[in-house]
Amino acid sequence: MSPKIKVFLIYGVCFTVLFLVSRFFVTQFVEPGFLSTFIPLGIAMVLAPKPHIEETEHGREYGLKSIFLKKPFKL
C-alpha cells in the first residue's frame, strides 16, 4: 500500500472515530438535531490529524500533522 493511501485512510479513520465519540458525548447534553451534528463535526475537524505532504529532494514525503505535535508524523 502506498504511503499516500495510508495517510488518507488513517486521516479518515481518525476523523470518523473523533466524530462518533464527540457526537456520543454531545448528544448526552444537547437534544438530537442541528447542533448535535455540527458541534461534533467541528470538534473532529479541529482535532483530527491533517494529511501533510512535503516536497524533498527524494520526492514527496507523506505524514500527518496534529495540533498537539510540532513536527508532522511521517509514514
C-alpha atoms as a PDB file:
ATOM      1  CA  MET A   1       0.000   0.000   0.000  1.00  0.00           C
ATOM      2  CA  SER A   2       1.418   3.375  -0.940  1.00  0.00           C
ATOM      3  CA  PRO A   3       2.141   5.987   1.744  1.00  0.00           C
ATOM      4  CA  LYS A   4      -0.372   8.375   0.166  1.00  0.00           C
ATOM      5  CA  ILE A   5      -3.214   5.889   0.582  1.00  0.00           C
ATOM      6  CA  LYS A   6      -2.116   5.070   4.157  1.00  0.00           C
ATOM      7  CA  VAL A   7      -2.148   8.755   5.142  1.00  0.00           C
ATOM      8  CA  PHE A   8      -5.642   9.368   3.815  1.00  0.00           C
ATOM      9  CA  LEU A   9      -7.007   6.126   5.307  1.00  0.00           C
ATOM     10  CA  ILE A  10      -5.567   6.984   8.733  1.00  0.00           C
ATOM     11  CA  TYR A  11      -6.995  10.518   8.428  1.00  0.00           C
ATOM     12  CA  GLY A  12     -10.434   9.154   7.520  1.00  0.00           C
ATOM     13  CA  VAL A  13     -10.452   6.664  10.375  1.00  0.00           C
ATOM     14  CA  CYS A  14      -9.265   9.263  12.918  1.00  0.00           C
ATOM     15  CA  PHE A  15     -11.843  11.778  11.734  1.00  0.00           C
ATOM     16  CA  THR A  16     -14.665   9.223  11.877  1.00  0.00           C
ATOM     17  CA  VAL A  17     -13.710   7.988  15.355  1.00  0.00           C
ATOM     18  CA  LEU A  18     -13.395  11.529  16.718  1.00  0.00           C
ATOM     19  CA  PHE A  19     -16.733  12.486  15.160  1.00  0.00           C
ATOM     20  CA  LEU A  20     -18.566   9.475  16.588  1.00  0.00           C
ATOM     21  CA  VAL A  21     -17.061   9.818  20.066  1.00  0.00           C
ATOM     22  CA  SER A  22     -17.736  13.554  20.242  1.00  0.00           C
ATOM     23  CA  ARG A  23     -21.258  13.035  18.873  1.00  0.00           C
ATOM     24  CA  PHE A  24     -21.922  10.492  21.605  1.00  0.00           C
ATOM     25  CA  PHE A  25     -20.830  12.936  24.308  1.00  0.00           C
ATOM     26  CA  VAL A  26     -22.639  15.923  22.756  1.00  0.00           C
ATOM     27  CA  THR A  27     -25.928  14.031  22.479  1.00  0.00           C
ATOM     28  CA  GLN A  28     -25.742  13.460  26.240  1.00  0.00           C
ATOM     29  CA  PHE A  29     -26.071  17.237  26.766  1.00  0.00           C
ATOM     30  CA  VAL A  30     -27.846  18.555  23.632  1.00  0.00           C
ATOM     31  CA  GLU A  31     -31.075  17.290  22.109  1.00  0.00           C
ATOM     32  CA  PRO A  32     -30.614  15.463  18.786  1.00  0.00           C
ATOM     33  CA  GLY A  33     -30.843  17.866  15.895  1.00  0.00           C
ATOM     34  CA  PHE A  34     -28.843  20.526  14.119  1.00  0.00           C
ATOM     35  CA  LEU A  35     -26.342  21.232  16.919  1.00  0.00           C
ATOM     36  CA  SER A  36     -25.768  17.592  17.786  1.00  0.00           C
ATOM     37  CA  THR A  37     -24.367  17.116  14.269  1.00  0.00           C
ATOM     38  CA  PHE A  38     -22.368  20.291  13.696  1.00  0.00           C
ATOM     39  CA  ILE A  39     -20.657  20.579  17.089  1.00  0.00           C
ATOM     40  CA  PRO A  40     -19.030  17.111  16.773  1.00  0.00           C
ATOM     41  CA  LEU A  41     -18.187  17.893  13.151  1.00  0.00           C
ATOM     42  CA  GLY A  42     -16.254  20.984  14.235  1.00  0.00           C
ATOM     43  CA  ILE A  43     -14.537  19.102  17.049  1.00  0.00           C
ATOM     44  CA  ALA A  44     -13.465  16.321  14.687  1.00  0.00           C
ATOM     45  CA  MET A  45     -12.216  18.802  12.081  1.00  0.00           C
ATOM     46  CA  VAL A  46     -10.040  20.578  14.645  1.00  0.00           C
ATOM     47  CA  LEU A  47      -8.677  17.526  16.487  1.00  0.00           C
ATOM     48  CA  ALA A  48      -8.150  15.061  13.625  1.00  0.00           C
ATOM     49  CA  PRO A  49      -4.601  14.959  12.264  1.00  0.00           C
ATOM     50  CA  LYS A  50      -4.352  16.567   8.830  1.00  0.00           C
ATOM     51  CA  PRO A  51      -2.540  14.984   5.878  1.00  0.00           C
ATOM     52  CA  HIS A  52       0.836  16.658   5.355  1.00  0.00           C
ATOM     53  CA  ILE A  53       2.749  16.364   2.072  1.00  0.00           C
ATOM     54  CA  GLU A  54       6.318  17.655   1.978  1.00  0.00           C
ATOM     55  CA  GLU A  55       8.420  18.014  -1.171  1.00  0.00           C
ATOM     56  CA  THR A  56      12.018  16.857  -0.648  1.00  0.00           C
ATOM     57  CA  GLU A  57      14.981  16.027  -2.858  1.00  0.00           C
ATOM     58  CA  HIS A  58      13.986  12.370  -2.749  1.00  0.00           C
ATOM     59  CA  GLY A  59      10.376  13.025  -3.737  1.00  0.00           C
ATOM     60  CA  ARG A  60       7.244  13.515  -1.714  1.00  0.00           C
ATOM     61  CA  GLU A  61       7.072  12.533   1.937  1.00  0.00           C
ATOM     62  CA  TYR A  62       3.651  11.872   3.390  1.00  0.00           C
ATOM     63  CA  GLY A  63       2.712  12.332   7.016  1.00  0.00           C
ATOM     64  CA  LEU A  64       0.089  13.547   9.442  1.00  0.00           C
ATOM     65  CA  LYS A  65       0.171  16.883  11.248  1.00  0.00           C
ATOM     66  CA  SER A  66      -1.678  17.371  14.509  1.00  0.00           C
ATOM     67  CA  ILE A  67      -2.357  20.432  16.628  1.00  0.00           C
ATOM     68  CA  PHE A  68      -0.679  18.557  19.505  1.00  0.00           C
ATOM     69  CA  LEU A  69       2.649  17.909  17.719  1.00  0.00           C
ATOM     70  CA  LYS A  70       5.099  20.486  16.376  1.00  0.00           C
ATOM     71  CA  LYS A  71       6.580  18.173  13.740  1.00  0.00           C
ATOM     72  CA  PRO A  72       4.499  16.052  11.351  1.00  0.00           C
ATOM     73  CA  PHE A  73       4.335  12.324  11.962  1.00  0.00           C
ATOM     74  CA  LYS A  74       5.981  10.732   8.896  1.00  0.00           C
ATOM     75  CA  LEU A  75       4.889   7.390   7.488  1.00  0.00           C
END
